[in-house]
Amino acid sequence: MRITIDTDVCIGAGQCALVSPDVFTQDDDGFGAVLPGRETVEPGGGGPLIREAARACPVRAITVTDAAPA
């Protein structure tokens, strides 16, 4: 899976970091960020919480695609 956050859309609600803290964090300005090395995850490696974090984002700034890691 590939995980991205559109930084132009993120409002810093922090739901991603609350739902899936092993993949997401908040930067120094309070905006969502993917933890280093977690931008790509093997299928099943992040569990359902990654997709739940994307659904929890109030502005839909998180994209999760099933693309295989490069």
C-alpha atoms as a PDB file:
ATOM      1  CA  MET A   1       0.000   0.000   0.000  1.00  0.00           C
ATOM      2  CA  ARG A   2       1.080   3.559  -0.630  1.00  0.00           C
ATOM      3  CA  ILE A   3       0.027   6.235   1.867  1.00  0.00           C
ATOM      4  CA  THR A   4       0.056   9.967   1.151  1.00  0.00           C
ATOM      5  CA  ILE A   5      -1.277  13.097   2.817  1.00  0.00           C
ATOM      6  CA  ASP A   6      -2.190  16.105   0.693  1.00  0.00           C
ATOM      7  CA  THR A   7      -0.563  18.862   2.714  1.00  0.00           C
ATOM      8  CA  ASP A   8      -2.520  21.515   0.824  1.00  0.00           C
ATOM      9  CA  VAL A   9      -5.775  19.983   2.096  1.00  0.00           C
ATOM     10  CA  CYS A  10      -4.834  18.861   5.636  1.00  0.00           C
ATOM     11  CA  ILE A  11      -6.250  21.087   8.388  1.00  0.00           C
ATOM     12  CA  GLY A  12      -4.421  19.419  11.278  1.00  0.00           C
ATOM     13  CA  ALA A  13      -7.401  17.721  12.911  1.00  0.00           C
ATOM     14  CA  GLY A  14      -5.089  14.905  14.061  1.00  0.00           C
ATOM     15  CA  GLN A  15      -7.534  12.061  13.553  1.00  0.00           C
ATOM     16  CA  CYS A  16      -4.957  10.103  11.542  1.00  0.00           C
ATOM     17  CA  ALA A  17      -2.422  10.170  14.391  1.00  0.00           C
ATOM     18  CA  LEU A  18      -5.094   9.203  16.918  1.00  0.00           C
ATOM     19  CA  VAL A  19      -6.420   6.273  14.891  1.00  0.00           C
ATOM     20  CA  SER A  20      -3.114   4.880  13.567  1.00  0.00           C
ATOM     21  CA  PRO A  21      -0.172   6.296  15.552  1.00  0.00           C
ATOM     22  CA  ASP A  22       2.211   3.651  14.192  1.00  0.00           C
ATOM     23  CA  VAL A  23       1.857   5.184  10.690  1.00  0.00           C
ATOM     24  CA  PHE A  24       0.819   8.812  11.204  1.00  0.00           C
ATOM     25  CA  THR A  25       2.054  11.702  13.311  1.00  0.00           C
ATOM     26  CA  GLN A  26       1.648  15.459  13.402  1.00  0.00           C
ATOM     27  CA  ASP A  27       4.442  17.768  12.304  1.00  0.00           C
ATOM     28  CA  ASP A  28       5.726  20.770  14.271  1.00  0.00           C
ATOM     29  CA  ASP A  29       2.878  22.883  12.891  1.00  0.00           C
ATOM     30  CA  GLY A  30       0.234  20.329  13.881  1.00  0.00           C
ATOM     31  CA  PHE A  31      -0.479  18.995  10.396  1.00  0.00           C
ATOM     32  CA  GLY A  32      -0.706  15.291   9.625  1.00  0.00           C
ATOM     33  CA  ALA A  33       2.358  13.464   8.359  1.00  0.00           C
ATOM     34  CA  VAL A  34       3.265   9.902   7.491  1.00  0.00           C
ATOM     35  CA  LEU A  35       6.060   8.606   9.691  1.00  0.00           C
ATOM     36  CA  PRO A  36       9.402   8.164   7.885  1.00  0.00           C
ATOM     37  CA  GLY A  37       9.628   4.757   6.263  1.00  0.00           C
ATOM     38  CA  ARG A  38       5.875   4.173   6.440  1.00  0.00           C
ATOM     39  CA  GLU A  39       4.946   5.757   3.084  1.00  0.00           C
ATOM     40  CA  THR A  40       4.734   2.277   1.616  1.00  0.00           C
ATOM     41  CA  VAL A  41       3.485  -0.700   3.572  1.00  0.00           C
ATOM     42  CA  GLU A  42       3.270  -4.330   2.541  1.00  0.00           C
ATOM     43  CA  PRO A  43      -0.327  -5.515   2.162  1.00  0.00           C
ATOM     44  CA  GLY A  44      -1.592  -6.372   5.630  1.00  0.00           C
ATOM     45  CA  GLY A  45       1.381  -4.599   7.208  1.00  0.00           C
ATOM     46  CA  GLY A  46      -0.598  -1.705   8.563  1.00  0.00           C
ATOM     47  CA  GLY A  47      -3.828  -3.428   9.301  1.00  0.00           C
ATOM     48  CA  PRO A  48      -7.249  -1.877   8.892  1.00  0.00           C
ATOM     49  CA  LEU A  49      -6.276   1.151  10.969  1.00  0.00           C
ATOM     50  CA  ILE A  50      -4.558   2.825   8.017  1.00  0.00           C
ATOM     51  CA  ARG A  51      -7.770   2.806   5.995  1.00  0.00           C
ATOM     52  CA  GLU A  52      -9.762   3.799   9.082  1.00  0.00           C
ATOM     53  CA  ALA A  53      -7.436   6.786   9.582  1.00  0.00           C
ATOM     54  CA  ALA A  54      -8.070   7.828   5.981  1.00  0.00           C
ATOM     55  CA  ARG A  55     -11.829   7.571   6.545  1.00  0.00           C
ATOM     56  CA  ALA A  56     -11.548   9.546   9.795  1.00  0.00           C
ATOM     57  CA  CYS A  57      -9.890  12.516   8.086  1.00  0.00           C
ATOM     58  CA  PRO A  58     -12.540  15.258   8.013  1.00  0.00           C
ATOM     59  CA  VAL A  59     -11.171  16.779   4.781  1.00  0.00           C
ATOM     60  CA  ARG A  60     -10.139  13.505   3.064  1.00  0.00           C
ATOM     61  CA  ALA A  61      -6.483  14.553   2.828  1.00  0.00           C
ATOM     62  CA  ILE A  62      -5.214  10.957   3.123  1.00  0.00           C
ATOM     63  CA  THR A  63      -4.913   8.667   0.128  1.00  0.00           C
ATOM     64  CA  VAL A  64      -4.301   4.947   0.486  1.00  0.00           C
ATOM     65  CA  THR A  65      -3.670   3.011  -2.707  1.00  0.00           C
ATOM     66  CA  ASP A  66      -3.098  -0.704  -3.152  1.00  0.00           C
ATOM     67  CA  ALA A  67      -0.049  -0.121  -5.343  1.00  0.00           C
ATOM     68  CA  ALA A  68       2.761  -2.500  -4.535  1.00  0.00           C
ATOM     69  CA  PRO A  69       5.802  -0.905  -2.890  1.00  0.00           C
ATOM     70  CA  ALA A  70       8.579  -0.122  -5.342  1.00  0.00           C
END
